[in-house]
Amino acid sequence: MKLAEALSLRSDAQKRLAQLQARAVASARYQEGEASPEDPNALLAEAREVVAEIESLVRRINRTNAAVELEPGLTITDAIARRDALANERSIVAALADAASGGSAGGGFGRQLRSELRFLTDVPIPQLRAEADALARRYRELDTRLQEANWTTELLD
């Protein structure tokens, strides 16, 4: 099985688990004289099986991610951490540029009257926007490499 297939199975199992939980909770109590819509004990047993399935998949995915290198010295786990760091860095750089330019994050620079105070900034907005674009590009490139690895890497036992 390819790593990407395991990731997809994990996602499906997590959704199935959430549905089983909702159904079990909805069936846990019912009115006197009525029948429970479903057997909550059976749903709980099925949910436990799905939890075990998820655990098995996560263990295998984590082992694979830690063992497979995208390039020398860079495992899939390292690349995922780097991709997440790039996303966080891009987010803060873009938010700062937006705030400095009076964008949605900063509340705007509009003035009503001449007597109102003006807003100023010492933030280099064009440089921050260029940096955010570069970070987004690096994120996309790394994400593409990760997706490729997901579809070419065999899942470890």
N, C-alpha and C. Protein backbone atom coordinates (compact mmCIF):
# COMPACT_ATOMS: atom_id res chain seq x y z
N MET A 1 0.85 -1.18 0.00
CA MET A 1 0.00 0.00 0.00
C MET A 1 0.90 1.24 0.00
N LYS A 2 0.52 2.22 -0.78
CA LYS A 2 1.26 3.48 -0.83
C LYS A 2 0.89 4.35 0.38
N LEU A 3 1.82 5.21 0.74
CA LEU A 3 1.61 6.12 1.86
C LEU A 3 0.36 6.96 1.66
N ALA A 4 0.14 7.45 0.45
CA ALA A 4 -1.04 8.28 0.17
C ALA A 4 -2.33 7.50 0.41
N GLU A 5 -2.33 6.23 0.08
CA GLU A 5 -3.52 5.41 0.32
C GLU A 5 -3.79 5.29 1.82
N ALA A 6 -2.73 5.08 2.60
CA ALA A 6 -2.87 4.99 4.05
C ALA A 6 -3.39 6.31 4.63
N LEU A 7 -2.90 7.43 4.11
CA LEU A 7 -3.37 8.73 4.59
C LEU A 7 -4.86 8.90 4.28
N SER A 8 -5.28 8.44 3.12
CA SER A 8 -6.69 8.53 2.75
C SER A 8 -7.54 7.61 3.62
N LEU A 9 -7.05 6.40 3.87
CA LEU A 9 -7.78 5.48 4.75
C LEU A 9 -7.91 6.05 6.15
N ARG A 10 -6.83 6.68 6.65
CA ARG A 10 -6.87 7.29 7.98
C ARG A 10 -7.93 8.39 8.03
N SER A 11 -7.96 9.22 7.01
CA SER A 11 -8.94 10.31 6.95
C SER A 11 -10.36 9.75 6.94
N ASP A 12 -10.60 8.73 6.13
CA ASP A 12 -11.92 8.11 6.08
C ASP A 12 -12.29 7.50 7.43
N ALA A 13 -11.34 6.84 8.07
CA ALA A 13 -11.60 6.22 9.37
C ALA A 13 -11.92 7.27 10.43
N GLN A 14 -11.23 8.40 10.38
CA GLN A 14 -11.50 9.47 11.34
C GLN A 14 -12.91 10.03 11.15
N LYS A 15 -13.33 10.16 9.90
CA LYS A 15 -14.70 10.62 9.63
C LYS A 15 -15.71 9.59 10.11
N ARG A 16 -15.44 8.32 9.84
CA ARG A 16 -16.33 7.24 10.27
C ARG A 16 -16.44 7.22 11.80
N LEU A 17 -15.32 7.43 12.49
CA LEU A 17 -15.33 7.46 13.94
C LEU A 17 -16.21 8.60 14.47
N ALA A 18 -16.08 9.77 13.86
CA ALA A 18 -16.90 10.91 14.28
C ALA A 18 -18.39 10.61 14.07
N GLN A 19 -18.72 9.96 12.96
CA GLN A 19 -20.12 9.61 12.70
C GLN A 19 -20.63 8.58 13.71
N LEU A 20 -19.81 7.58 14.01
CA LEU A 20 -20.20 6.58 15.00
C LEU A 20 -20.42 7.21 16.36
N GLN A 21 -19.55 8.14 16.73
CA GLN A 21 -19.71 8.82 18.02
C GLN A 21 -21.02 9.59 18.05
N ALA A 22 -21.32 10.33 16.99
CA ALA A 22 -22.56 11.11 16.95
C ALA A 22 -23.78 10.20 17.03
N ARG A 23 -23.73 9.09 16.32
CA ARG A 23 -24.86 8.14 16.34
C ARG A 23 -25.01 7.50 17.72
N ALA A 24 -23.89 7.13 18.35
CA ALA A 24 -23.96 6.51 19.67
C ALA A 24 -24.51 7.48 20.70
N VAL A 25 -24.04 8.72 20.65
CA VAL A 25 -24.52 9.73 21.60
C VAL A 25 -26.01 9.99 21.39
N ALA A 26 -26.44 10.05 20.13
CA ALA A 26 -27.85 10.28 19.83
C ALA A 26 -28.73 9.11 20.29
N SER A 27 -28.15 7.92 20.34
CA SER A 27 -28.91 6.72 20.73
C SER A 27 -28.78 6.37 22.20
N ALA A 28 -27.98 7.10 22.94
CA ALA A 28 -27.70 6.75 24.33
C ALA A 28 -28.94 6.89 25.22
N ARG A 29 -29.80 7.83 24.92
CA ARG A 29 -31.02 8.05 25.72
C ARG A 29 -32.20 8.12 24.79
N TYR A 30 -33.30 7.60 25.26
CA TYR A 30 -34.53 7.66 24.50
C TYR A 30 -35.70 7.71 25.47
N GLN A 31 -36.84 8.11 24.97
CA GLN A 31 -38.01 8.28 25.83
C GLN A 31 -38.63 6.93 26.17
N GLU A 32 -39.19 6.90 27.34
CA GLU A 32 -39.90 5.70 27.78
C GLU A 32 -40.99 5.37 26.77
N GLY A 33 -41.11 4.10 26.46
CA GLY A 33 -42.13 3.67 25.50
C GLY A 33 -41.65 3.73 24.06
N GLU A 34 -40.52 4.31 23.83
CA GLU A 34 -39.93 4.39 22.49
C GLU A 34 -38.76 3.42 22.42
N ALA A 35 -38.36 3.10 21.23
CA ALA A 35 -37.17 2.25 21.04
C ALA A 35 -35.99 3.15 20.70
N SER A 36 -34.83 2.73 21.14
CA SER A 36 -33.61 3.46 20.80
C SER A 36 -33.41 3.36 19.29
N PRO A 37 -33.02 4.46 18.62
CA PRO A 37 -32.85 4.39 17.16
C PRO A 37 -31.81 3.36 16.73
N GLU A 38 -30.75 3.21 17.53
CA GLU A 38 -29.70 2.24 17.26
C GLU A 38 -29.17 1.73 18.59
N ASP A 39 -28.49 0.60 18.56
CA ASP A 39 -27.91 0.04 19.77
C ASP A 39 -26.61 0.77 20.08
N PRO A 40 -26.59 1.61 21.12
CA PRO A 40 -25.37 2.37 21.42
C PRO A 40 -24.19 1.48 21.78
N ASN A 41 -24.45 0.32 22.37
CA ASN A 41 -23.36 -0.59 22.72
C ASN A 41 -22.70 -1.17 21.47
N ALA A 42 -23.49 -1.49 20.47
CA ALA A 42 -22.94 -1.99 19.21
C ALA A 42 -22.15 -0.89 18.51
N LEU A 43 -22.67 0.33 18.57
CA LEU A 43 -21.96 1.45 17.96
C LEU A 43 -20.63 1.70 18.68
N LEU A 44 -20.63 1.58 20.00
CA LEU A 44 -19.40 1.74 20.77
C LEU A 44 -18.38 0.66 20.39
N ALA A 45 -18.84 -0.56 20.25
CA ALA A 45 -17.93 -1.65 19.85
C ALA A 45 -17.35 -1.38 18.46
N GLU A 46 -18.18 -0.93 17.55
CA GLU A 46 -17.69 -0.61 16.20
C GLU A 46 -16.71 0.56 16.25
N ALA A 47 -17.00 1.56 17.08
CA ALA A 47 -16.11 2.71 17.22
C ALA A 47 -14.75 2.28 17.75
N ARG A 48 -14.75 1.34 18.69
CA ARG A 48 -13.48 0.84 19.23
C ARG A 48 -12.65 0.14 18.15
N GLU A 49 -13.31 -0.56 17.26
CA GLU A 49 -12.60 -1.20 16.14
C GLU A 49 -11.98 -0.15 15.22
N VAL A 50 -12.72 0.92 14.98
CA VAL A 50 -12.21 2.00 14.13
C VAL A 50 -11.04 2.70 14.80
N VAL A 51 -11.11 2.89 16.11
CA VAL A 51 -9.99 3.49 16.85
C VAL A 51 -8.74 2.64 16.69
N ALA A 52 -8.89 1.33 16.79
CA ALA A 52 -7.75 0.43 16.63
C ALA A 52 -7.19 0.51 15.20
N GLU A 53 -8.08 0.62 14.23
CA GLU A 53 -7.66 0.76 12.83
C GLU A 53 -6.87 2.06 12.63
N ILE A 54 -7.37 3.15 13.19
CA ILE A 54 -6.68 4.44 13.09
C ILE A 54 -5.31 4.36 13.75
N GLU A 55 -5.26 3.76 14.93
CA GLU A 55 -3.98 3.64 15.63
C GLU A 55 -2.97 2.88 14.79
N SER A 56 -3.39 1.78 14.20
CA SER A 56 -2.49 0.98 13.36
C SER A 56 -1.99 1.79 12.17
N LEU A 57 -2.90 2.49 11.51
CA LEU A 57 -2.51 3.31 10.36
C LEU A 57 -1.55 4.42 10.77
N VAL A 58 -1.83 5.09 11.87
CA VAL A 58 -0.99 6.20 12.32
C VAL A 58 0.41 5.69 12.67
N ARG A 59 0.49 4.53 13.32
CA ARG A 59 1.80 3.97 13.65
C ARG A 59 2.61 3.70 12.37
N ARG A 60 1.97 3.09 11.39
CA ARG A 60 2.66 2.77 10.14
C ARG A 60 3.04 4.03 9.36
N ILE A 61 2.12 5.00 9.35
CA ILE A 61 2.40 6.27 8.65
C ILE A 61 3.57 6.97 9.32
N ASN A 62 3.56 7.03 10.65
CA ASN A 62 4.64 7.71 11.37
C ASN A 62 5.98 7.01 11.15
N ARG A 63 5.98 5.68 11.19
CA ARG A 63 7.22 4.93 10.94
C ARG A 63 7.75 5.23 9.54
N THR A 64 6.85 5.25 8.58
CA THR A 64 7.25 5.52 7.20
C THR A 64 7.79 6.93 7.06
N ASN A 65 7.07 7.90 7.61
CA ASN A 65 7.49 9.30 7.51
C ASN A 65 8.85 9.54 8.16
N ALA A 66 9.12 8.82 9.24
CA ALA A 66 10.39 9.00 9.95
C ALA A 66 11.55 8.30 9.24
N ALA A 67 11.25 7.27 8.45
CA ALA A 67 12.31 6.47 7.82
C ALA A 67 12.67 6.92 6.41
N VAL A 68 11.70 7.45 5.68
CA VAL A 68 11.91 7.78 4.26
C VAL A 68 12.45 9.20 4.13
N GLU A 69 13.50 9.34 3.33
CA GLU A 69 14.10 10.65 3.09
C GLU A 69 13.70 11.19 1.72
N LEU A 70 13.28 12.45 1.70
CA LEU A 70 13.02 13.13 0.42
C LEU A 70 14.33 13.45 -0.27
N GLU A 71 15.30 13.76 0.54
CA GLU A 71 16.67 14.02 0.09
C GLU A 71 17.56 13.67 1.27
N PRO A 72 18.85 13.52 1.05
CA PRO A 72 19.72 13.14 2.17
C PRO A 72 19.56 14.10 3.35
N GLY A 73 19.26 13.52 4.51
CA GLY A 73 19.13 14.32 5.73
C GLY A 73 17.78 14.96 5.94
N LEU A 74 16.82 14.76 5.03
CA LEU A 74 15.50 15.37 5.15
C LEU A 74 14.43 14.28 5.02
N THR A 75 13.94 13.81 6.18
CA THR A 75 12.89 12.81 6.16
C THR A 75 11.56 13.46 5.83
N ILE A 76 10.58 12.63 5.55
CA ILE A 76 9.23 13.15 5.31
C ILE A 76 8.74 13.89 6.55
N THR A 77 9.02 13.35 7.73
CA THR A 77 8.64 14.03 8.98
C THR A 77 9.27 15.42 9.07
N ASP A 78 10.55 15.51 8.73
CA ASP A 78 11.23 16.81 8.74
C ASP A 78 10.59 17.76 7.74
N ALA A 79 10.26 17.24 6.56
CA ALA A 79 9.67 18.07 5.51
C ALA A 79 8.29 18.57 5.92
N ILE A 80 7.51 17.73 6.59
CA ILE A 80 6.19 18.16 7.07
C ILE A 80 6.34 19.28 8.09
N ALA A 81 7.31 19.13 9.00
CA ALA A 81 7.56 20.18 9.99
C ALA A 81 7.99 21.47 9.31
N ARG A 82 8.84 21.36 8.29
CA ARG A 82 9.31 22.55 7.55
C ARG A 82 8.15 23.20 6.82
N ARG A 83 7.29 22.40 6.18
CA ARG A 83 6.13 22.93 5.47
C ARG A 83 5.22 23.69 6.43
N ASP A 84 4.97 23.12 7.61
CA ASP A 84 4.12 23.79 8.59
C ASP A 84 4.76 25.10 9.07
N ALA A 85 6.08 25.09 9.24
CA ALA A 85 6.78 26.31 9.66
C ALA A 85 6.68 27.39 8.57
N LEU A 86 6.81 26.99 7.31
CA LEU A 86 6.67 27.95 6.21
C LEU A 86 5.26 28.56 6.20
N ALA A 87 4.25 27.74 6.43
CA ALA A 87 2.87 28.24 6.46
C ALA A 87 2.69 29.24 7.60
N ASN A 88 3.22 28.92 8.77
CA ASN A 88 3.10 29.84 9.91
C ASN A 88 3.84 31.14 9.67
N GLU A 89 5.05 31.04 9.13
CA GLU A 89 5.84 32.24 8.87
C GLU A 89 5.16 33.12 7.83
N ARG A 90 4.65 32.51 6.76
CA ARG A 90 3.96 33.26 5.71
C ARG A 90 2.72 33.95 6.29
N SER A 91 2.02 33.27 7.16
CA SER A 91 0.81 33.83 7.76
C SER A 91 1.11 35.09 8.56
N ILE A 92 2.16 35.05 9.38
CA ILE A 92 2.47 36.22 10.20
C ILE A 92 3.03 37.37 9.35
N VAL A 93 3.84 37.05 8.35
CA VAL A 93 4.39 38.10 7.48
C VAL A 93 3.26 38.78 6.71
N ALA A 94 2.34 37.99 6.16
CA ALA A 94 1.21 38.56 5.41
C ALA A 94 0.30 39.37 6.32
N ALA A 95 0.06 38.88 7.54
CA ALA A 95 -0.80 39.60 8.49
C ALA A 95 -0.18 40.94 8.87
N LEU A 96 1.14 40.96 9.06
CA LEU A 96 1.82 42.22 9.40
C LEU A 96 1.73 43.20 8.24
N ALA A 97 1.94 42.72 7.02
CA ALA A 97 1.83 43.59 5.85
C ALA A 97 0.41 44.13 5.71
N ASP A 98 -0.58 43.28 5.94
CA ASP A 98 -1.98 43.72 5.87
C ASP A 98 -2.27 44.78 6.93
N ALA A 99 -1.81 44.55 8.15
CA ALA A 99 -2.06 45.50 9.23
C ALA A 99 -1.38 46.84 8.96
N ALA A 100 -0.16 46.79 8.45
CA ALA A 100 0.58 48.02 8.17
C ALA A 100 -0.03 48.81 7.03
N SER A 101 -0.63 48.11 6.07
CA SER A 101 -1.22 48.81 4.92
C SER A 101 -2.66 49.24 5.17
N GLY A 102 -3.18 48.90 6.35
CA GLY A 102 -4.55 49.29 6.66
C GLY A 102 -5.55 48.29 6.15
N GLY A 103 -5.08 47.08 5.84
CA GLY A 103 -5.96 46.03 5.36
C GLY A 103 -6.89 45.54 6.44
N SER A 104 -7.56 44.45 6.17
CA SER A 104 -8.59 43.93 7.09
C SER A 104 -8.02 43.63 8.47
N ALA A 105 -6.77 43.19 8.54
CA ALA A 105 -6.20 42.86 9.85
C ALA A 105 -5.90 44.11 10.67
N GLY A 106 -5.70 45.25 9.99
CA GLY A 106 -5.31 46.46 10.70
C GLY A 106 -6.44 47.42 10.98
N GLY A 107 -7.61 47.17 10.42
CA GLY A 107 -8.74 48.02 10.71
C GLY A 107 -8.85 49.24 9.81
N GLY A 108 -7.90 49.48 8.90
CA GLY A 108 -8.01 50.56 7.95
C GLY A 108 -7.39 51.85 8.42
N PHE A 109 -7.07 52.70 7.45
CA PHE A 109 -6.44 53.99 7.73
C PHE A 109 -7.39 55.16 7.48
N GLY A 110 -8.63 54.90 7.10
CA GLY A 110 -9.54 55.97 6.73
C GLY A 110 -9.70 57.01 7.83
N ARG A 111 -9.75 58.28 7.40
CA ARG A 111 -9.96 59.37 8.37
C ARG A 111 -11.28 60.04 8.03
N GLN A 112 -11.94 60.52 9.05
CA GLN A 112 -13.20 61.22 8.86
C GLN A 112 -12.97 62.73 8.77
N LEU A 113 -12.15 63.26 9.66
CA LEU A 113 -11.95 64.69 9.75
C LEU A 113 -10.46 65.01 9.72
N ARG A 114 -10.13 66.24 9.32
CA ARG A 114 -8.73 66.67 9.30
C ARG A 114 -8.12 66.67 10.70
N SER A 115 -8.94 66.87 11.70
CA SER A 115 -8.42 66.97 13.06
C SER A 115 -8.06 65.60 13.65
N GLU A 116 -8.45 64.53 12.98
CA GLU A 116 -8.13 63.20 13.51
C GLU A 116 -6.66 62.89 13.30
N LEU A 117 -6.15 62.02 14.15
CA LEU A 117 -4.75 61.59 14.05
C LEU A 117 -4.55 60.72 12.83
N ARG A 118 -3.38 60.85 12.23
CA ARG A 118 -3.04 60.01 11.08
C ARG A 118 -2.34 58.75 11.60
N PHE A 119 -2.50 57.68 10.85
CA PHE A 119 -1.81 56.44 11.18
C PHE A 119 -0.55 56.35 10.33
N LEU A 120 0.53 55.92 10.97
CA LEU A 120 1.82 55.77 10.29
C LEU A 120 2.31 54.35 10.49
N THR A 121 3.28 53.96 9.67
CA THR A 121 3.90 52.65 9.85
C THR A 121 5.38 52.73 9.53
N ASP A 122 6.14 51.93 10.20
CA ASP A 122 7.57 51.80 9.91
C ASP A 122 7.86 50.44 9.28
N VAL A 123 6.81 49.76 8.85
CA VAL A 123 6.93 48.42 8.29
C VAL A 123 7.12 48.51 6.78
N PRO A 124 8.12 47.82 6.22
CA PRO A 124 8.36 47.83 4.77
C PRO A 124 7.36 46.92 4.05
N ILE A 125 6.20 47.45 3.73
CA ILE A 125 5.10 46.66 3.19
C ILE A 125 5.47 45.92 1.90
N PRO A 126 6.06 46.58 0.90
CA PRO A 126 6.38 45.83 -0.33
C PRO A 126 7.33 44.66 -0.10
N GLN A 127 8.32 44.86 0.77
CA GLN A 127 9.26 43.77 1.06
C GLN A 127 8.55 42.62 1.77
N LEU A 128 7.65 42.95 2.70
CA LEU A 128 6.92 41.91 3.40
C LEU A 128 6.01 41.13 2.46
N ARG A 129 5.37 41.83 1.53
CA ARG A 129 4.51 41.14 0.55
C ARG A 129 5.35 40.21 -0.34
N ALA A 130 6.53 40.68 -0.76
CA ALA A 130 7.42 39.84 -1.57
C ALA A 130 7.89 38.63 -0.77
N GLU A 131 8.19 38.85 0.50
CA GLU A 131 8.63 37.74 1.36
C GLU A 131 7.49 36.73 1.55
N ALA A 132 6.27 37.22 1.74
CA ALA A 132 5.11 36.32 1.90
C ALA A 132 4.91 35.50 0.63
N ASP A 133 5.07 36.14 -0.53
CA ASP A 133 4.94 35.41 -1.80
C ASP A 133 6.02 34.34 -1.93
N ALA A 134 7.24 34.67 -1.55
CA ALA A 134 8.35 33.71 -1.63
C ALA A 134 8.11 32.53 -0.68
N LEU A 135 7.62 32.83 0.51
CA LEU A 135 7.32 31.77 1.47
C LEU A 135 6.20 30.87 0.95
N ALA A 136 5.20 31.46 0.33
CA ALA A 136 4.10 30.68 -0.23
C ALA A 136 4.61 29.78 -1.36
N ARG A 137 5.51 30.30 -2.18
CA ARG A 137 6.09 29.50 -3.27
C ARG A 137 6.88 28.32 -2.72
N ARG A 138 7.71 28.58 -1.69
CA ARG A 138 8.49 27.51 -1.08
C ARG A 138 7.57 26.45 -0.45
N TYR A 139 6.48 26.91 0.17
CA TYR A 139 5.50 25.99 0.74
C TYR A 139 4.92 25.09 -0.35
N ARG A 140 4.48 25.70 -1.47
CA ARG A 140 3.89 24.92 -2.56
C ARG A 140 4.87 23.91 -3.13
N GLU A 141 6.13 24.33 -3.32
CA GLU A 141 7.14 23.43 -3.86
C GLU A 141 7.38 22.25 -2.92
N LEU A 142 7.49 22.51 -1.63
CA LEU A 142 7.72 21.44 -0.67
C LEU A 142 6.49 20.54 -0.58
N ASP A 143 5.31 21.12 -0.59
CA ASP A 143 4.08 20.34 -0.53
C ASP A 143 3.97 19.42 -1.74
N THR A 144 4.36 19.91 -2.91
CA THR A 144 4.34 19.09 -4.12
C THR A 144 5.28 17.90 -3.98
N ARG A 145 6.47 18.14 -3.44
CA ARG A 145 7.43 17.05 -3.21
C ARG A 145 6.87 16.03 -2.21
N LEU A 146 6.21 16.52 -1.18
CA LEU A 146 5.60 15.61 -0.20
C LEU A 146 4.49 14.78 -0.83
N GLN A 147 3.65 15.41 -1.64
CA GLN A 147 2.57 14.67 -2.30
C GLN A 147 3.14 13.60 -3.23
N GLU A 148 4.19 13.96 -3.94
CA GLU A 148 4.84 12.99 -4.82
C GLU A 148 5.37 11.81 -4.01
N ALA A 149 6.02 12.11 -2.89
CA ALA A 149 6.54 11.03 -2.03
C ALA A 149 5.41 10.16 -1.50
N ASN A 150 4.28 10.77 -1.16
CA ASN A 150 3.15 10.02 -0.66
C ASN A 150 2.66 8.97 -1.67
N TRP A 151 2.72 9.33 -2.96
CA TRP A 151 2.22 8.42 -4.00
C TRP A 151 3.27 7.44 -4.50
N THR A 152 4.53 7.64 -4.13
CA THR A 152 5.58 6.73 -4.59
C THR A 152 6.17 5.88 -3.48
N THR A 153 5.86 6.19 -2.24
CA THR A 153 6.44 5.50 -1.10
C THR A 153 5.53 4.39 -0.61
N GLU A 154 6.12 3.21 -0.45
CA GLU A 154 5.39 2.08 0.13
C GLU A 154 5.32 2.26 1.64
N LEU A 155 4.16 1.99 2.20
CA LEU A 155 3.94 2.08 3.64
C LEU A 155 4.71 0.96 4.34
N LEU A 156 5.44 1.33 5.40
CA LEU A 156 6.18 0.33 6.17
C LEU A 156 5.24 -0.39 7.12
N ASP A 157 5.64 -1.59 7.50
CA ASP A 157 4.84 -2.38 8.46
C ASP A 157 5.07 -1.94 9.88
